[in-house]
Amino acid sequence: MKNVTEKLQVFEDEFFADIKIRSENMQKELVKWQSGVEERIDKITVEKMGIREDIENKYIDDLKNQAADLYEKARSQFQKTESNISLLNSDVNEKIEITERNIKDLSESVSREIDDIKVTNTNKFNKEFAEYHTGLDEKLRQYEKDMDGRLNLFTETIESK
C-alpha cells in the first residue's frame, strides 16, 4: 500500500502542480484578456471622445451660425425700423413746417384784415364825423341866421319904440 500511497501522492502532487500551472496560465490569459478589453475600451472611448468633440464642435458652429443669422436679422430689422422712424420724423417735420407756414399766413391774413377793418372803420368814423360836423355847422349857421334875424327884429323893435 505504500506503493499505492506513494503513487497516489505523486499523482496528487502532479495533479496539483498541473492545476497550479493551469491556474497560472488561466490567470495570465485572464489578465491578458482584461488588458485587451481595457485597451479596446480605451480605444473606443478615445474614438467616441473624438466623435463627441466633432459633434460638439459642429453644434457650436451651428449655434454660432444661428446666432450670426439672428444678429443679422435683428440688425436688418433695426435698420428698417430706424429708416421708418427717420421717414416718419421727416413727415412730421414737414407737416410741422406746413402747419407753421399756414399759421403764419393766417396770422398775416388776420393782421391785414384787422388793419383793413381799422382803416375802413376809421374812414367811416371820419366820414360820419365830418357829415355830423357839416350838419352841425349848417345847423349852427342856420341858428346864427335865425338869431341874427331875431336880433335884428328885436333891435328894430327896440329902436322903433
C-alpha atoms as a PDB file:
ATOM      1  CA  MET A   1       0.000   0.000   0.000  1.00  0.00           C
ATOM      2  CA  LYS A   2       2.862   2.106   0.452  1.00  0.00           C
ATOM      3  CA  ASN A   3       3.425   1.926  -3.182  1.00  0.00           C
ATOM      4  CA  VAL A   4      -0.174   2.957  -3.878  1.00  0.00           C
ATOM      5  CA  THR A   5       0.087   5.765  -1.368  1.00  0.00           C
ATOM      6  CA  GLU A   6       3.297   6.944  -2.951  1.00  0.00           C
ATOM      7  CA  LYS A   7       1.811   6.685  -6.376  1.00  0.00           C
ATOM      8  CA  LEU A   8      -1.266   8.469  -5.157  1.00  0.00           C
ATOM      9  CA  GLN A   9       0.941  11.137  -3.559  1.00  0.00           C
ATOM     10  CA  VAL A  10       2.910  11.521  -6.793  1.00  0.00           C
ATOM     11  CA  PHE A  11      -0.364  11.634  -8.712  1.00  0.00           C
ATOM     12  CA  GLU A  12      -1.735  14.273  -6.304  1.00  0.00           C
ATOM     13  CA  ASP A  13       1.459  16.304  -6.497  1.00  0.00           C
ATOM     14  CA  GLU A  14       1.457  16.139 -10.269  1.00  0.00           C
ATOM     15  CA  PHE A  15      -2.289  16.907 -10.329  1.00  0.00           C
ATOM     16  CA  PHE A  16      -1.916  19.930  -8.031  1.00  0.00           C
ATOM     17  CA  ALA A  17       1.161  21.101  -9.924  1.00  0.00           C
ATOM     18  CA  ASP A  18      -0.773  20.770 -13.183  1.00  0.00           C
ATOM     19  CA  ILE A  19      -3.726  22.633 -11.645  1.00  0.00           C
ATOM     20  CA  LYS A  20      -1.348  25.300 -10.391  1.00  0.00           C
ATOM     21  CA  ILE A  21       0.211  25.678 -13.862  1.00  0.00           C
ATOM     22  CA  ARG A  22      -3.196  25.733 -15.466  1.00  0.00           C
ATOM     23  CA  SER A  23      -4.417  28.245 -12.871  1.00  0.00           C
ATOM     24  CA  GLU A  24      -1.381  30.445 -13.517  1.00  0.00           C
ATOM     25  CA  ASN A  25      -1.922  30.133 -17.264  1.00  0.00           C
ATOM     26  CA  MET A  26      -5.598  30.957 -16.843  1.00  0.00           C
ATOM     27  CA  GLN A  27      -4.668  33.873 -14.632  1.00  0.00           C
ATOM     28  CA  LYS A  28      -2.236  35.123 -17.303  1.00  0.00           C
ATOM     29  CA  GLU A  29      -4.865  34.630 -20.004  1.00  0.00           C
ATOM     30  CA  LEU A  30      -7.441  36.464 -17.860  1.00  0.00           C
ATOM     31  CA  VAL A  31      -5.024  39.379 -17.277  1.00  0.00           C
ATOM     32  CA  LYS A  32      -4.173  39.396 -20.996  1.00  0.00           C
ATOM     33  CA  TRP A  33      -7.898  39.318 -21.899  1.00  0.00           C
ATOM     34  CA  GLN A  34      -8.673  42.015 -19.324  1.00  0.00           C
ATOM     35  CA  SER A  35      -5.814  44.144 -20.678  1.00  0.00           C
ATOM     36  CA  GLY A  36      -7.145  43.665 -24.226  1.00  0.00           C
ATOM     37  CA  VAL A  37     -10.654  44.604 -23.128  1.00  0.00           C
ATOM     38  CA  GLU A  38      -9.318  47.693 -21.345  1.00  0.00           C
ATOM     39  CA  GLU A  39      -7.330  48.630 -24.459  1.00  0.00           C
ATOM     40  CA  ARG A  40     -10.432  48.239 -26.613  1.00  0.00           C
ATOM     41  CA  ILE A  41     -12.483  50.248 -24.101  1.00  0.00           C
ATOM     42  CA  ASP A  42      -9.788  52.952 -24.111  1.00  0.00           C
ATOM     43  CA  LYS A  43      -9.683  52.891 -27.914  1.00  0.00           C
ATOM     44  CA  ILE A  44     -13.496  53.087 -28.131  1.00  0.00           C
ATOM     45  CA  THR A  45     -13.501  55.857 -25.516  1.00  0.00           C
ATOM     46  CA  VAL A  46     -10.914  57.824 -27.489  1.00  0.00           C
ATOM     47  CA  GLU A  47     -12.901  57.286 -30.713  1.00  0.00           C
ATOM     48  CA  LYS A  48     -16.147  58.258 -29.007  1.00  0.00           C
ATOM     49  CA  MET A  49     -14.492  61.312 -27.430  1.00  0.00           C
ATOM     50  CA  GLY A  50     -13.312  62.355 -30.896  1.00  0.00           C
ATOM     51  CA  ILE A  51     -16.801  61.802 -32.307  1.00  0.00           C
ATOM     52  CA  ARG A  52     -18.262  63.660 -29.337  1.00  0.00           C
ATOM     53  CA  GLU A  53     -15.854  66.565 -29.839  1.00  0.00           C
ATOM     54  CA  ASP A  54     -16.731  66.614 -33.552  1.00  0.00           C
ATOM     55  CA  ILE A  55     -20.458  66.677 -32.683  1.00  0.00           C
ATOM     56  CA  GLU A  56     -19.904  69.371 -30.048  1.00  0.00           C
ATOM     57  CA  ASN A  57     -17.820  71.453 -32.477  1.00  0.00           C
ATOM     58  CA  LYS A  58     -20.467  71.043 -35.187  1.00  0.00           C
ATOM     59  CA  TYR A  59     -23.179  72.004 -32.691  1.00  0.00           C
ATOM     60  CA  ILE A  60     -21.134  75.035 -31.567  1.00  0.00           C
ATOM     61  CA  ASP A  61     -20.603  76.052 -35.205  1.00  0.00           C
ATOM     62  CA  ASP A  62     -24.333  75.642 -35.877  1.00  0.00           C
ATOM     63  CA  LEU A  63     -25.125  77.769 -32.819  1.00  0.00           C
ATOM     64  CA  LYS A  64     -22.629  80.406 -33.955  1.00  0.00           C
ATOM     65  CA  ASN A  65     -24.199  80.433 -37.429  1.00  0.00           C
ATOM     66  CA  GLN A  66     -27.695  80.673 -35.950  1.00  0.00           C
ATOM     67  CA  ALA A  67     -26.553  83.477 -33.651  1.00  0.00           C
ATOM     68  CA  ALA A  68     -24.937  85.282 -36.605  1.00  0.00           C
ATOM     69  CA  ASP A  69     -28.134  84.854 -38.663  1.00  0.00           C
ATOM     70  CA  LEU A  70     -30.222  86.088 -35.746  1.00  0.00           C
ATOM     71  CA  TYR A  71     -27.875  89.049 -35.262  1.00  0.00           C
ATOM     72  CA  GLU A  72     -28.069  89.864 -38.970  1.00  0.00           C
ATOM     73  CA  LYS A  73     -31.880  89.662 -38.930  1.00  0.00           C
ATOM     74  CA  ALA A  74     -32.043  91.852 -35.810  1.00  0.00           C
ATOM     75  CA  ARG A  75     -29.608  94.364 -37.352  1.00  0.00           C
ATOM     76  CA  SER A  76     -31.609  94.413 -40.581  1.00  0.00           C
ATOM     77  CA  GLN A  77     -34.867  94.867 -38.653  1.00  0.00           C
ATOM     78  CA  PHE A  78     -33.246  97.628 -36.592  1.00  0.00           C
ATOM     79  CA  GLN A  79     -32.107  99.410 -39.773  1.00  0.00           C
ATOM     80  CA  LYS A  80     -35.609  99.110 -41.267  1.00  0.00           C
ATOM     81  CA  THR A  81     -37.147 100.440 -38.062  1.00  0.00           C
ATOM     82  CA  GLU A  82     -34.589 103.245 -37.917  1.00  0.00           C
ATOM     83  CA  SER A  83     -35.337 104.092 -41.558  1.00  0.00           C
ATOM     84  CA  ASN A  84     -39.089 104.083 -40.877  1.00  0.00           C
ATOM     85  CA  ILE A  85     -38.578 106.321 -37.859  1.00  0.00           C
ATOM     86  CA  SER A  86     -36.453 108.672 -39.959  1.00  0.00           C
ATOM     87  CA  LEU A  87     -39.159 108.802 -42.661  1.00  0.00           C
ATOM     88  CA  LEU A  88     -41.833 109.357 -40.030  1.00  0.00           C
ATOM     89  CA  ASN A  89     -39.717 112.079 -38.444  1.00  0.00           C
ATOM     90  CA  SER A  90     -39.285 113.749 -41.856  1.00  0.00           C
ATOM     91  CA  ASP A  91     -43.037 113.562 -42.474  1.00  0.00           C
ATOM     92  CA  VAL A  92     -43.780 115.026 -39.054  1.00  0.00           C
ATOM     93  CA  ASN A  93     -41.219 117.815 -39.564  1.00  0.00           C
ATOM     94  CA  GLU A  94     -42.673 118.572 -42.997  1.00  0.00           C
ATOM     95  CA  LYS A  95     -46.198 118.695 -41.575  1.00  0.00           C
ATOM     96  CA  ILE A  96     -44.988 120.935 -38.747  1.00  0.00           C
ATOM     97  CA  GLU A  97     -43.369 123.284 -41.277  1.00  0.00           C
ATOM     98  CA  ILE A  98     -46.557 123.343 -43.373  1.00  0.00           C
ATOM     99  CA  THR A  99     -48.637 123.992 -40.261  1.00  0.00           C
ATOM    100  CA  GLU A 100     -46.263 126.753 -39.144  1.00  0.00           C
ATOM    101  CA  ARG A 101     -46.454 128.328 -42.626  1.00  0.00           C
ATOM    102  CA  ASN A 102     -50.259 128.069 -42.559  1.00  0.00           C
ATOM    103  CA  ILE A 103     -50.362 129.649 -39.103  1.00  0.00           C
ATOM    104  CA  LYS A 104     -48.016 132.427 -40.250  1.00  0.00           C
ATOM    105  CA  ASP A 105     -50.114 133.009 -43.400  1.00  0.00           C
ATOM    106  CA  LEU A 106     -53.302 133.010 -41.333  1.00  0.00           C
ATOM    107  CA  SER A 107     -51.752 135.388 -38.823  1.00  0.00           C
ATOM    108  CA  GLU A 108     -50.644 137.737 -41.607  1.00  0.00           C
ATOM    109  CA  SER A 109     -54.065 137.497 -43.257  1.00  0.00           C
ATOM    110  CA  VAL A 110     -55.861 138.201 -39.982  1.00  0.00           C
ATOM    111  CA  SER A 111     -53.458 141.080 -39.306  1.00  0.00           C
ATOM    112  CA  ARG A 112     -54.162 142.548 -42.787  1.00  0.00           C
ATOM    113  CA  GLU A 113     -57.901 142.120 -42.278  1.00  0.00           C
ATOM    114  CA  ILE A 114     -57.665 143.839 -38.894  1.00  0.00           C
ATOM    115  CA  ASP A 115     -55.665 146.683 -40.488  1.00  0.00           C
ATOM    116  CA  ASP A 116     -58.228 146.914 -43.314  1.00  0.00           C
ATOM    117  CA  ILE A 117     -61.073 146.941 -40.786  1.00  0.00           C
ATOM    118  CA  LYS A 118     -59.272 149.658 -38.783  1.00  0.00           C
ATOM    119  CA  VAL A 119     -58.788 151.762 -41.910  1.00  0.00           C
ATOM    120  CA  THR A 120     -62.380 151.159 -43.040  1.00  0.00           C
ATOM    121  CA  ASN A 121     -63.783 151.947 -39.601  1.00  0.00           C
ATOM    122  CA  THR A 122     -61.527 154.996 -39.242  1.00  0.00           C
ATOM    123  CA  ASN A 123     -62.619 156.249 -42.669  1.00  0.00           C
ATOM    124  CA  LYS A 124     -66.248 155.526 -41.870  1.00  0.00           C
ATOM    125  CA  PHE A 125     -65.913 157.261 -38.498  1.00  0.00           C
ATOM    126  CA  ASN A 126     -64.168 160.248 -40.108  1.00  0.00           C
ATOM    127  CA  LYS A 127     -66.831 160.431 -42.847  1.00  0.00           C
ATOM    128  CA  GLU A 128     -69.700 160.179 -40.368  1.00  0.00           C
ATOM    129  CA  PHE A 129     -67.964 162.656 -38.061  1.00  0.00           C
ATOM    130  CA  ALA A 130     -67.382 165.022 -40.988  1.00  0.00           C
ATOM    131  CA  GLU A 131     -71.030 164.632 -42.042  1.00  0.00           C
ATOM    132  CA  TYR A 132     -72.160 165.217 -38.466  1.00  0.00           C
ATOM    133  CA  HIS A 133     -69.777 168.180 -38.204  1.00  0.00           C
ATOM    134  CA  THR A 134     -71.020 169.563 -41.531  1.00  0.00           C
ATOM    135  CA  GLY A 135     -74.622 169.092 -40.411  1.00  0.00           C
ATOM    136  CA  LEU A 136     -73.816 170.691 -37.104  1.00  0.00           C
ATOM    137  CA  ASP A 137     -72.100 173.600 -38.873  1.00  0.00           C
ATOM    138  CA  GLU A 138     -75.154 174.082 -41.079  1.00  0.00           C
ATOM    139  CA  LYS A 139     -77.445 173.973 -38.079  1.00  0.00           C
ATOM    140  CA  LEU A 140     -75.185 176.484 -36.313  1.00  0.00           C
ATOM    141  CA  ARG A 141     -75.232 178.770 -39.357  1.00  0.00           C
ATOM    142  CA  GLN A 142     -78.964 178.387 -39.578  1.00  0.00           C
ATOM    143  CA  TYR A 143     -79.231 179.050 -35.876  1.00  0.00           C
ATOM    144  CA  GLU A 144     -76.952 182.079 -36.264  1.00  0.00           C
ATOM    145  CA  LYS A 145     -79.121 183.336 -39.140  1.00  0.00           C
ATOM    146  CA  ASP A 146     -82.206 182.817 -37.081  1.00  0.00           C
ATOM    147  CA  MET A 147     -80.546 184.501 -34.135  1.00  0.00           C
ATOM    148  CA  ASP A 148     -79.314 187.336 -36.334  1.00  0.00           C
ATOM    149  CA  GLY A 149     -82.802 187.663 -37.756  1.00  0.00           C
ATOM    150  CA  ARG A 150     -84.349 187.697 -34.299  1.00  0.00           C
ATOM    151  CA  LEU A 151     -81.718 190.070 -33.022  1.00  0.00           C
ATOM    152  CA  ASN A 152     -82.326 192.342 -35.956  1.00  0.00           C
ATOM    153  CA  LEU A 153     -86.056 192.101 -35.344  1.00  0.00           C
ATOM    154  CA  PHE A 154     -85.533 192.669 -31.672  1.00  0.00           C
ATOM    155  CA  THR A 155     -83.182 195.561 -32.380  1.00  0.00           C
ATOM    156  CA  GLU A 156     -85.706 197.070 -34.841  1.00  0.00           C
ATOM    157  CA  THR A 157     -88.458 196.591 -32.317  1.00  0.00           C
ATOM    158  CA  ILE A 158     -86.437 198.326 -29.633  1.00  0.00           C
ATOM    159  CA  GLU A 159     -85.397 201.100 -31.927  1.00  0.00           C
ATOM    160  CA  SER A 160     -88.893 201.663 -33.102  1.00  0.00           C
ATOM    161  CA  LYS A 161     -90.161 202.080 -29.696  1.00  0.00           C
END
